[in-house]
Amino acid sequence: MLRSCMSMYVRMNTCRQCSWPQILGCSWPVLSALAMDVSVNHLSTRPHVWVVDGAVSDRFLDLVDKQLASSEGTVTSELRNGKSITSRSVEFGVDDVSRQLFETVAGFWGLLPEQSIESFVVSDICGEGQAPHVDHINLDDLPVHKLDFLDLTRQSSSPLNPRRVVPTISVVVYFNSVGGLHFPHSADKLGTIAAKRGRIVMFQNYVDTDRPHHDSMAAHCGIYLDSLPKRILVMGILANETPSFSQRRPGSTSPKPGLIYCPGTAQDPLRHDAPSYDYMRTAFRKSFREAQAAVSWHVLAHWALSSSWLGALSFSVPSRGQKQHLLPST
């Protein structure tokens, strides 16, 4: 049964609305040449969330739709935190039409697209939605990119794999008006950001003064429908500090090092999605919860050893650093 999306809305902050020339100025001739009516809305400051409409060309949107209509793609189904998600994904090679999109995203953040993106994946996704999570990328999945600029001591990483890190910026591009995106812990009490054809949603995963810990308020969950697919493309930006959005830089100023990447493949389209990743891993909460877990298991073990039911009791103590799923499915 389809879930109603009538309650979805985007709370637009009109005082933060910018026009295309204001954002890019003359620094990005390939982008400023686009004859589009582009609007940018800064919806939230914790986390920083931007919604951009009109920056994706109709030609690119139509090209993707045509390809997905004629291709079977790769279909995957999986169960994550008790929620079923099914995707049909098609992998594309980057051409002049699609390259314009990546240059557009780079332009918003003042990045030079020095390392080219060779392919990207667009997915049709149906399901029961997601549990709140932060995005992540395994750096070993980006073998064609030069990552020597990346300081891992400035990245929030998985305790089980230090090369599995939270990107500085997450980017979602929508191809239809199905579902949306929700930030349940936003300090600004964001509602659901509705999907819209050609819409780009970008958000920051860090407060730089708190690095290497990511911002727990950047936890988000995709809103899907049971049988009507949401069509999306996902990107991320890796950096040691968060670049400024839409800031006009003097010609003599060098852009901060950064890398735009596309995480998915046709076989693993949901690679950015990490509902089991502990998004609350701030320094204080991490130490508190580890201590709490240690006490809980100590009490349980003491009870088990003194209980006459010991022979019938089976339990396992998690190894050091192992995580517990502490959030209910939503």
Protein backbone atom coordinates (compact mmCIF):
# COMPACT_ATOMS: atom_id res chain seq x y z
CA MET A 1 0.00 0.00 0.00
CA LEU A 2 1.36 3.38 -0.96
CA ARG A 3 2.12 5.73 1.84
CA SER A 4 0.68 9.17 1.54
CA CYS A 5 3.20 11.87 0.82
CA MET A 6 0.73 14.72 1.18
CA SER A 7 2.40 15.79 4.41
CA MET A 8 5.76 16.27 2.74
CA TYR A 9 6.91 19.83 2.42
CA VAL A 10 9.99 21.92 2.07
CA ARG A 11 10.29 24.83 4.47
CA MET A 12 11.93 27.42 2.25
CA ASN A 13 13.95 30.17 3.88
CA THR A 14 13.38 32.96 1.39
CA CYS A 15 15.96 35.24 2.96
CA ARG A 16 18.60 32.64 2.01
CA GLN A 17 17.39 32.29 -1.57
CA CYS A 18 20.08 33.06 -4.13
CA SER A 19 20.13 33.40 -7.87
CA TRP A 20 22.54 31.52 -10.15
CA PRO A 21 24.76 34.53 -10.98
CA GLN A 22 25.08 35.38 -7.28
CA ILE A 23 26.40 31.91 -6.57
CA LEU A 24 28.86 31.35 -9.36
CA GLY A 25 29.77 34.84 -10.50
CA CYS A 26 32.33 34.67 -13.30
CA SER A 27 34.49 31.96 -11.80
CA TRP A 28 32.74 29.09 -13.54
CA PRO A 29 32.16 29.99 -17.21
CA VAL A 30 30.99 26.51 -18.14
CA LEU A 31 28.30 26.72 -15.45
CA SER A 32 27.26 30.35 -15.80
CA ALA A 33 26.64 29.65 -19.47
CA LEU A 34 23.69 27.46 -18.50
CA ALA A 35 20.48 29.27 -19.37
CA MET A 36 18.51 28.06 -16.35
CA ASP A 37 16.33 29.59 -13.70
CA VAL A 38 18.06 28.21 -10.62
CA SER A 39 16.93 28.75 -7.02
CA VAL A 40 18.89 27.84 -3.91
CA ASN A 41 17.27 27.53 -0.49
CA HIS A 42 19.21 27.18 2.75
CA LEU A 43 16.76 25.21 4.88
CA SER A 44 18.77 24.49 8.01
CA THR A 45 21.96 25.44 9.80
CA ARG A 46 22.26 22.30 11.97
CA PRO A 47 22.88 20.43 9.89
CA HIS A 48 23.41 22.80 6.99
CA VAL A 49 20.97 21.67 4.30
CA TRP A 50 20.56 23.24 0.87
CA VAL A 51 17.87 22.54 -1.72
CA VAL A 52 18.65 23.52 -5.32
CA ASP A 53 15.99 23.53 -8.04
CA GLY A 54 16.52 24.14 -11.73
CA ALA A 55 20.24 23.33 -11.93
CA VAL A 56 19.82 19.93 -13.61
CA SER A 57 19.25 20.13 -17.34
CA ASP A 58 16.11 18.65 -18.88
CA ARG A 59 18.34 16.97 -21.43
CA PHE A 60 20.15 15.04 -18.71
CA LEU A 61 16.91 14.13 -16.91
CA ASP A 62 15.36 12.87 -20.16
CA LEU A 63 18.49 10.94 -21.08
CA VAL A 64 18.41 9.07 -17.77
CA ASP A 65 14.68 8.37 -17.99
CA LYS A 66 15.04 7.01 -21.51
CA GLN A 67 17.87 4.70 -20.50
CA LEU A 68 16.02 3.34 -17.45
CA ALA A 69 12.90 2.77 -19.56
CA SER A 70 14.83 0.59 -22.02
CA SER A 71 17.18 -1.21 -19.63
CA GLU A 72 16.45 -3.97 -17.16
CA GLY A 73 19.28 -2.81 -14.95
CA THR A 74 20.40 -4.72 -11.87
CA VAL A 75 17.74 -5.57 -9.31
CA THR A 76 18.70 -6.06 -5.66
CA SER A 77 16.59 -6.63 -2.56
CA GLU A 78 17.77 -6.51 1.01
CA LEU A 79 16.55 -6.25 4.56
CA ARG A 80 18.15 -3.50 6.64
CA ASN A 81 17.21 -3.03 10.28
CA GLY A 82 13.94 -4.84 9.65
CA LYS A 83 13.09 -2.72 6.61
CA SER A 84 12.85 -4.15 3.11
CA ILE A 85 14.35 -2.15 0.23
CA THR A 86 14.37 -3.11 -3.46
CA SER A 87 16.33 -1.22 -6.09
CA ARG A 88 16.74 -1.36 -9.86
CA SER A 89 19.93 0.36 -10.91
CA VAL A 90 21.54 1.33 -14.20
CA GLU A 91 25.18 2.37 -14.50
CA PHE A 92 26.09 5.22 -16.88
CA GLY A 93 29.34 6.37 -18.37
CA VAL A 94 29.96 10.09 -17.99
CA ASP A 95 29.51 12.09 -21.20
CA ASP A 96 29.29 15.80 -21.96
CA VAL A 97 25.65 15.95 -20.85
CA SER A 98 26.13 14.27 -17.48
CA ARG A 99 29.49 15.94 -16.83
CA GLN A 100 27.66 19.24 -16.65
CA LEU A 101 25.86 18.04 -13.50
CA PHE A 102 29.08 17.18 -11.69
CA GLU A 103 30.64 20.50 -12.67
CA THR A 104 27.53 22.23 -11.34
CA VAL A 105 27.86 20.54 -7.94
CA ALA A 106 31.59 21.32 -7.86
CA GLY A 107 30.82 24.95 -8.63
CA PHE A 108 28.50 25.34 -5.68
CA TRP A 109 31.33 24.31 -3.35
CA GLY A 110 34.14 26.11 -5.14
CA LEU A 111 35.85 22.85 -6.04
CA LEU A 112 37.92 22.24 -9.12
CA PRO A 113 36.80 19.00 -10.81
CA GLU A 114 40.40 17.86 -11.30
CA GLN A 115 39.68 14.14 -10.91
CA SER A 116 37.06 13.14 -13.42
CA ILE A 117 34.13 10.89 -12.59
CA GLU A 118 33.98 8.05 -15.09
CA SER A 119 30.64 6.50 -14.19
CA PHE A 120 27.59 6.94 -12.00
CA VAL A 121 24.52 4.95 -11.01
CA VAL A 122 20.86 5.97 -11.06
CA SER A 123 18.51 3.81 -9.01
CA ASP A 124 14.77 3.23 -8.78
CA ILE A 125 14.15 2.36 -5.13
CA CYS A 126 11.00 1.08 -3.42
CA GLY A 127 10.55 -0.08 0.12
CA GLU A 128 9.64 0.63 3.68
CA GLY A 129 12.08 3.50 4.13
CA GLN A 130 15.27 3.72 6.15
CA ALA A 131 16.33 3.92 9.75
CA PRO A 132 18.20 7.15 10.61
CA HIS A 133 21.82 6.89 9.52
CA VAL A 134 24.82 8.87 8.38
CA ASP A 135 26.38 8.24 4.98
CA HIS A 136 29.74 6.58 4.61
CA ILE A 137 32.12 5.50 1.90
CA ASN A 138 34.85 2.87 1.96
CA LEU A 139 37.93 4.56 0.54
CA ASP A 140 39.05 1.23 -0.88
CA ASP A 141 36.04 1.44 -3.20
CA LEU A 142 37.56 4.51 -4.88
CA PRO A 143 40.74 2.97 -6.36
CA VAL A 144 40.84 5.22 -9.43
CA HIS A 145 40.94 8.40 -7.34
CA LYS A 146 43.95 10.04 -5.73
CA LEU A 147 43.27 10.31 -2.02
CA ASP A 148 46.67 11.40 -0.75
CA PHE A 149 45.20 14.81 0.15
CA LEU A 150 42.78 13.23 2.63
CA ASP A 151 43.75 13.40 6.31
CA LEU A 152 42.11 10.41 8.00
CA THR A 153 42.57 12.00 11.41
CA ARG A 154 39.99 14.57 10.25
CA GLN A 155 37.40 11.99 9.18
CA SER A 156 34.78 10.15 11.22
CA SER A 157 35.51 6.49 10.62
CA SER A 158 33.99 3.16 11.52
CA PRO A 159 35.74 1.53 14.52
CA LEU A 160 35.79 -1.73 12.58
CA ASN A 161 37.29 -0.17 9.46
CA PRO A 162 39.17 3.14 9.69
CA ARG A 163 38.95 3.54 5.90
CA ARG A 164 35.17 3.60 6.04
CA VAL A 165 34.52 7.30 6.55
CA VAL A 166 31.68 9.80 6.63
CA PRO A 167 31.89 12.21 3.66
CA THR A 168 32.05 15.94 4.32
CA ILE A 169 29.09 16.63 2.01
CA SER A 170 26.29 14.33 0.85
CA VAL A 171 24.42 15.03 -2.39
CA VAL A 172 21.15 13.55 -3.66
CA VAL A 173 19.73 14.25 -7.13
CA TYR A 174 16.05 13.44 -7.75
CA PHE A 175 14.52 12.41 -11.07
CA ASN A 176 10.88 12.24 -9.96
CA SER A 177 8.56 13.53 -7.25
CA VAL A 178 8.36 10.36 -5.19
CA GLY A 179 9.26 10.16 -1.51
CA GLY A 180 11.70 12.52 0.12
CA LEU A 181 14.36 12.99 2.78
CA HIS A 182 13.95 13.49 6.52
CA PHE A 183 16.36 14.71 9.22
CA PRO A 184 14.77 13.50 12.48
CA HIS A 185 17.30 15.17 14.78
CA SER A 186 17.75 18.50 13.04
CA ALA A 187 18.05 21.41 15.46
CA ASP A 188 15.87 23.45 13.10
CA LYS A 189 13.02 20.92 13.23
CA LEU A 190 13.04 20.29 9.50
CA GLY A 191 10.02 18.61 8.04
CA THR A 192 10.35 16.11 5.22
CA ILE A 193 12.06 17.52 2.15
CA ALA A 194 9.92 16.39 -0.74
CA ALA A 195 11.54 14.83 -3.78
CA LYS A 196 11.08 16.75 -7.02
CA ARG A 197 12.27 16.12 -10.55
CA GLY A 198 15.58 17.92 -11.04
CA ARG A 199 15.98 18.79 -7.35
CA ILE A 200 19.40 18.58 -5.68
CA VAL A 201 19.64 18.25 -1.90
CA MET A 202 23.05 18.80 -0.31
CA PHE A 203 23.94 18.65 3.37
CA GLN A 204 26.99 18.87 5.62
CA ASN A 205 27.97 15.91 7.78
CA TYR A 206 30.45 17.76 10.00
CA VAL A 207 30.88 20.74 12.26
CA ASP A 208 34.56 21.35 11.57
CA THR A 209 35.41 22.33 15.15
CA ASP A 210 34.18 18.90 16.27
CA ARG A 211 36.21 16.84 13.80
CA PRO A 212 36.96 14.02 13.55
CA HIS A 213 33.48 13.39 14.96
CA HIS A 214 30.64 13.86 12.51
CA ASP A 215 27.48 15.82 13.26
CA SER A 216 24.87 13.48 14.73
CA MET A 217 22.18 15.91 13.57
CA ALA A 218 23.08 15.00 9.98
CA ALA A 219 21.46 11.60 10.54
CA HIS A 220 18.75 11.21 7.93
CA CYS A 221 16.39 8.67 6.44
CA GLY A 222 15.11 8.33 2.92
CA ILE A 223 11.33 8.22 2.50
CA TYR A 224 10.25 5.55 0.01
CA LEU A 225 6.93 4.19 -1.17
CA ASP A 226 6.08 0.50 -1.24
CA SER A 227 5.43 0.13 -4.97
CA LEU A 228 6.13 3.49 -6.63
CA PRO A 229 9.89 3.85 -7.19
CA LYS A 230 11.92 6.88 -6.19
CA ARG A 231 14.59 7.63 -8.80
CA ILE A 232 17.83 9.09 -7.42
CA LEU A 233 21.54 9.63 -8.01
CA VAL A 234 23.82 9.91 -4.97
CA MET A 235 27.14 11.71 -4.65
CA GLY A 236 29.54 12.63 -1.88
CA ILE A 237 32.37 15.09 -1.30
CA LEU A 238 35.49 14.11 0.64
CA ALA A 239 37.49 16.92 2.27
CA ASN A 240 39.51 17.73 5.38
CA GLU A 241 37.39 20.77 6.12
CA THR A 242 34.00 21.81 4.88
CA PRO A 243 34.19 24.05 1.80
CA SER A 244 32.08 27.20 1.76
CA PHE A 245 28.85 26.95 -0.18
CA SER A 246 28.26 29.50 -2.96
CA GLN A 247 31.06 31.77 -1.78
CA ARG A 248 32.71 33.93 -4.42
CA ARG A 249 36.45 33.48 -4.15
CA PRO A 250 39.14 35.83 -5.49
CA GLY A 251 41.04 34.46 -8.42
CA SER A 252 44.23 34.20 -6.36
CA THR A 253 42.62 32.00 -3.73
CA SER A 254 43.16 28.27 -4.17
CA PRO A 255 40.13 26.04 -3.62
CA LYS A 256 40.34 23.67 -0.68
CA PRO A 257 41.31 20.10 -1.64
CA GLY A 258 38.29 17.91 -2.18
CA LEU A 259 36.93 15.03 -4.20
CA ILE A 260 33.47 14.49 -5.65
CA TYR A 261 32.60 10.82 -6.07
CA CYS A 262 29.62 8.62 -6.88
CA PRO A 263 29.44 5.76 -4.36
CA GLY A 264 27.10 3.28 -5.97
CA THR A 265 27.53 0.56 -8.52
CA ALA A 266 24.81 -1.36 -10.30
CA GLN A 267 25.51 -4.30 -7.98
CA ASP A 268 25.58 -2.20 -4.80
CA PRO A 269 23.44 0.92 -5.39
CA LEU A 270 22.84 1.61 -1.69
CA ARG A 271 26.51 1.75 -0.77
CA HIS A 272 26.18 5.21 0.80
CA ASP A 273 23.37 4.02 3.05
CA ALA A 274 24.63 2.87 6.43
CA PRO A 275 21.73 2.40 8.85
CA SER A 276 23.83 0.22 11.13
CA TYR A 277 26.57 2.82 11.40
CA ASP A 278 26.56 4.51 14.81
CA TYR A 279 25.63 8.06 13.84
CA MET A 280 25.59 9.20 17.49
CA ARG A 281 29.35 8.69 17.80
CA THR A 282 30.26 12.02 19.33
CA ALA A 283 33.10 11.85 21.83
CA PHE A 284 30.90 12.12 24.94
CA ARG A 285 28.09 9.87 23.75
CA LYS A 286 30.50 7.24 22.48
CA SER A 287 32.34 6.99 25.81
CA PHE A 288 29.07 7.05 27.77
CA ARG A 289 27.45 4.33 25.71
CA GLU A 290 30.54 2.13 25.74
CA ALA A 291 30.65 2.39 29.53
CA GLN A 292 26.92 1.73 29.73
CA ALA A 293 27.25 -1.34 27.52
CA ALA A 294 30.18 -2.66 29.56
CA VAL A 295 28.19 -2.34 32.80
CA SER A 296 25.14 -4.01 31.24
CA TRP A 297 27.11 -7.01 30.03
CA HIS A 298 28.95 -7.29 33.36
CA VAL A 299 25.64 -7.43 35.25
CA LEU A 300 24.22 -9.96 32.80
CA ALA A 301 27.28 -12.19 33.03
CA HIS A 302 27.24 -12.06 36.84
CA TRP A 303 23.56 -13.00 36.90
CA ALA A 304 24.08 -15.83 34.43
CA LEU A 305 26.97 -17.34 36.35
CA SER A 306 25.00 -17.32 39.60
CA SER A 307 21.76 -18.56 38.07
CA SER A 308 20.53 -22.13 38.23
CA TRP A 309 19.47 -21.58 34.61
CA LEU A 310 23.06 -21.29 33.45
CA GLY A 311 22.91 -24.55 31.53
CA ALA A 312 19.92 -23.31 29.54
CA LEU A 313 21.21 -19.79 28.97
CA SER A 314 23.06 -18.86 25.80
CA PHE A 315 24.46 -15.39 25.26
CA SER A 316 27.48 -13.72 23.73
CA VAL A 317 29.43 -10.71 24.86
CA PRO A 318 30.22 -8.31 22.00
CA SER A 319 33.87 -7.91 21.21
CA ARG A 320 35.62 -4.66 21.87
CA GLY A 321 34.35 -1.96 19.51
CA GLN A 322 31.38 -4.01 18.27
CA LYS A 323 28.21 -1.97 17.89
CA GLN A 324 24.68 -2.46 19.08
CA HIS A 325 21.63 -1.36 17.11
CA LEU A 326 20.26 1.20 19.52
CA LEU A 327 17.68 2.86 17.28
CA PRO A 328 14.21 1.51 16.58
CA SER A 329 13.19 1.07 12.97
CA THR A 330 11.04 3.89 11.68
